[in-house]
Amino acid sequence: MESVSLTRREADVALRLTNRPPEHLVGRRIGTVEFAVYAADQLVEEVGDGAALSVYPWIGWEEGEGRWLDAWLAQHAPGARYSIRLGESTLTRRAAVQAGLGVHFLACFEGDELPGVRRISPKIPEFAHGAWLLTLRELRHTRRVTAFMEHMAAAFAAGADRLAGRATCPS
C-alpha cells in the first residue's frame, strides 16, 4: 500500500494510522487499530502452544531500522532471536509470518483473518494507533469531501470491533 500526499493533491482524503495527525490536516478519528504478535499455525505446533515469545524466531527489520523492536524484545521476550530481517514492507512481513519464517506484530483486524495464522500474544496497548480520515483545511467544507468522510466514518463504525481486534479474539 502506497501513501499518497494530500499536500501535492494526490488525493482529497487519506486514511492514516497515527496518534498525532499533522497540524496542517484536519479530520476525524474513526477508530483504533490494535496490534498483537502472530505466528503461523505450523510454527506454533513446532514451538509448542503457549510457548514464551522469546522461544519463537522473530522477523525483524533490516539492520538499524528496527531499534525499537530490539528494545521491546529485550524487555518482553529476553533472548529472542531473529530468523530473518526484511525491509519496511508490511506485505512482505505478513507473507513471512504466514509462511512460518517467524513471528511479528500484525494489526489484529489483519492477523485474525489471515489463513493459517493465529494470535500468540494479547493485544499490545502501546502499539495501538488511531485510524484517522484526514484532509486539507481548505477542503474540509467541500461537499464531496464531507460526504465521503461521513460515508467512510459510518462504514468504519460498523467494523469498529474488528478494527480493534475484538471481533474474533477478545483479550
Protein backbone atom coordinates (compact mmCIF):
# COMPACT_ATOMS: atom_id res chain seq x y z
CA MET A 1 0.00 0.00 0.00
CA GLU A 2 1.48 3.29 -1.08
CA SER A 3 0.93 6.50 0.83
CA VAL A 4 -0.49 9.46 -1.06
CA SER A 5 0.26 13.11 -0.45
CA LEU A 6 -2.65 15.36 0.37
CA THR A 7 -0.41 18.42 0.10
CA ARG A 8 0.51 17.54 -3.51
CA ARG A 9 -3.21 16.91 -4.16
CA GLU A 10 -2.72 13.22 -4.96
CA ALA A 11 -5.96 12.68 -3.03
CA ASP A 12 -8.57 14.75 -1.24
CA VAL A 13 -8.88 12.41 1.77
CA ALA A 14 -6.42 9.95 3.27
CA LEU A 15 -6.67 7.23 5.89
CA ARG A 16 -3.73 7.46 8.28
CA LEU A 17 -2.72 5.38 11.29
CA THR A 18 -1.33 7.83 13.80
CA ASN A 19 -1.73 9.05 17.32
CA ARG A 20 -0.79 12.59 16.28
CA PRO A 21 -2.20 13.79 12.98
CA PRO A 22 -0.14 16.53 11.31
CA GLU A 23 -1.29 20.02 12.29
CA HIS A 24 -1.82 21.09 8.67
CA LEU A 25 -4.50 18.39 8.22
CA VAL A 26 -8.00 18.15 9.69
CA GLY A 27 -10.35 15.25 10.03
CA ARG A 28 -11.83 12.76 12.39
CA ARG A 29 -10.70 9.74 14.30
CA ILE A 30 -12.69 6.75 13.10
CA GLY A 31 -11.33 4.04 15.33
CA THR A 32 -8.36 2.39 16.93
CA VAL A 33 -6.15 -0.23 15.32
CA GLU A 34 -4.74 -2.72 17.81
CA PHE A 35 -1.69 -4.92 17.27
CA ALA A 36 -0.56 -8.30 18.63
CA VAL A 37 2.08 -10.93 17.84
CA TYR A 38 1.09 -13.52 15.23
CA ALA A 39 2.57 -16.84 14.13
CA ALA A 40 1.78 -19.45 11.50
CA ASP A 41 -0.17 -22.43 12.87
CA GLN A 42 2.66 -24.72 11.75
CA LEU A 43 5.24 -22.70 13.70
CA VAL A 44 3.07 -22.75 16.85
CA GLU A 45 2.85 -26.54 16.56
CA GLU A 46 6.64 -26.82 16.17
CA VAL A 47 7.47 -24.47 19.06
CA GLY A 48 4.60 -25.52 21.30
CA ASP A 49 1.27 -23.87 22.00
CA GLY A 50 1.64 -21.43 24.90
CA ALA A 51 5.42 -21.07 24.48
CA ALA A 52 7.04 -17.83 25.59
CA LEU A 53 7.56 -15.18 22.92
CA SER A 54 11.31 -15.47 23.44
CA VAL A 55 11.27 -19.06 22.13
CA TYR A 56 9.90 -18.07 18.73
CA PRO A 57 12.07 -16.93 15.84
CA TRP A 58 11.33 -13.25 15.08
CA ILE A 59 11.06 -11.35 11.85
CA GLY A 60 12.96 -8.10 12.16
CA TRP A 61 13.73 -5.08 10.06
CA GLU A 62 16.93 -4.51 8.15
CA GLU A 63 19.87 -3.65 10.39
CA GLY A 64 19.39 -0.31 12.13
CA GLU A 65 15.73 0.21 11.13
CA GLY A 66 14.08 -1.66 13.98
CA ARG A 67 15.89 -0.49 17.08
CA TRP A 68 12.57 -0.03 18.87
CA LEU A 69 11.87 -3.74 18.24
CA ASP A 70 15.23 -4.70 19.75
CA ALA A 71 14.32 -2.73 22.87
CA TRP A 72 10.81 -4.20 23.03
CA LEU A 73 12.13 -7.75 22.69
CA ALA A 74 14.78 -7.17 25.36
CA GLN A 75 12.02 -6.18 27.76
CA HIS A 76 9.20 -8.58 26.76
CA ALA A 77 10.99 -11.56 25.17
CA PRO A 78 14.56 -11.64 26.53
CA GLY A 79 16.83 -13.87 24.47
CA ALA A 80 14.61 -13.78 21.38
CA ARG A 81 16.48 -14.10 18.09
CA TYR A 82 15.74 -13.00 14.56
CA SER A 83 15.25 -15.64 11.89
CA ILE A 84 15.18 -13.08 9.10
CA ARG A 85 15.40 -9.33 8.60
CA LEU A 86 13.24 -7.65 6.00
CA GLY A 87 12.64 -4.14 4.68
CA GLU A 88 9.74 -1.88 5.57
CA SER A 89 7.08 -3.71 3.50
CA THR A 90 4.11 -4.72 5.63
CA LEU A 91 3.03 -7.15 2.91
CA THR A 92 6.41 -8.90 2.98
CA ARG A 93 6.36 -9.26 6.77
CA ARG A 94 2.79 -10.59 6.65
CA ALA A 95 3.77 -13.15 4.00
CA ALA A 96 6.81 -14.18 6.07
CA VAL A 97 4.61 -14.73 9.15
CA GLN A 98 2.13 -16.72 7.08
CA ALA A 99 4.97 -18.84 5.62
CA GLY A 100 6.17 -19.70 9.14
CA LEU A 101 9.52 -17.88 8.87
CA GLY A 102 9.00 -16.23 12.23
CA VAL A 103 6.63 -14.15 14.32
CA HIS A 104 5.88 -10.46 14.14
CA PHE A 105 3.30 -7.81 15.01
CA LEU A 106 0.26 -7.53 12.79
CA ALA A 107 -2.82 -5.38 13.05
CA CYS A 108 -5.43 -7.57 14.75
CA PHE A 109 -8.02 -6.98 12.02
CA GLU A 110 -5.50 -8.38 9.54
CA GLY A 111 -3.90 -11.17 11.55
CA ASP A 112 -7.17 -12.53 12.96
CA GLU A 113 -8.42 -13.24 9.43
CA LEU A 114 -5.18 -14.39 7.81
CA PRO A 115 -5.47 -18.09 6.87
CA GLY A 116 -3.07 -20.38 8.72
CA VAL A 117 -2.08 -17.71 11.26
CA ARG A 118 -3.03 -17.18 14.89
CA ARG A 119 -2.56 -14.58 17.59
CA ILE A 120 0.03 -15.68 20.18
CA SER A 121 0.03 -12.63 22.44
CA PRO A 122 -2.52 -10.33 23.98
CA LYS A 123 -3.06 -7.01 22.26
CA ILE A 124 -0.16 -4.65 22.93
CA PRO A 125 -1.63 -1.33 24.10
CA GLU A 126 1.50 0.74 23.43
CA PHE A 127 1.29 -0.15 19.71
CA ALA A 128 -2.34 0.95 19.27
CA HIS A 129 -2.82 3.65 16.65
CA GLY A 130 -5.72 5.91 15.91
CA ALA A 131 -7.30 5.49 12.48
CA TRP A 132 -7.94 8.94 11.03
CA LEU A 133 -9.65 10.27 7.93
CA LEU A 134 -7.73 13.43 7.08
CA THR A 135 -7.96 16.22 4.53
CA LEU A 136 -6.52 19.66 3.91
CA ARG A 137 -8.04 22.55 5.88
CA GLU A 138 -9.23 24.26 2.70
CA LEU A 139 -11.16 21.13 1.63
CA ARG A 140 -12.91 20.39 4.92
CA HIS A 141 -16.21 22.05 3.93
CA THR A 142 -16.24 20.76 0.34
CA ARG A 143 -19.44 18.74 -0.14
CA ARG A 144 -17.79 15.77 -1.87
CA VAL A 145 -15.13 15.57 0.86
CA THR A 146 -17.69 15.90 3.66
CA ALA A 147 -19.96 13.28 2.07
CA PHE A 148 -17.08 10.85 1.55
CA MET A 149 -15.79 11.28 5.10
CA GLU A 150 -19.27 10.76 6.58
CA HIS A 151 -19.78 7.62 4.47
CA MET A 152 -16.38 6.19 5.45
CA ALA A 153 -16.85 7.05 9.13
CA ALA A 154 -20.15 5.12 9.14
CA ALA A 155 -18.52 2.14 7.39
CA PHE A 156 -15.65 2.08 9.89
CA ALA A 157 -18.06 2.45 12.84
CA ALA A 158 -19.82 -0.72 11.69
CA GLY A 159 -16.49 -2.58 11.82
CA ALA A 160 -15.04 -0.97 14.97
CA ASP A 161 -14.79 -4.27 16.89
CA ARG A 162 -12.93 -5.93 14.03
CA LEU A 163 -10.60 -2.95 13.61
CA ALA A 164 -9.72 -3.03 17.30
CA GLY A 165 -9.17 -6.79 17.34
CA ARG A 166 -12.25 -7.58 19.43
CA ALA A 167 -14.32 -9.38 16.81
CA THR A 168 -12.71 -12.81 16.90
CA CYS A 169 -10.21 -12.96 19.75
CA PRO A 170 -11.11 -10.83 22.76
CA SER A 171 -8.23 -10.22 25.14
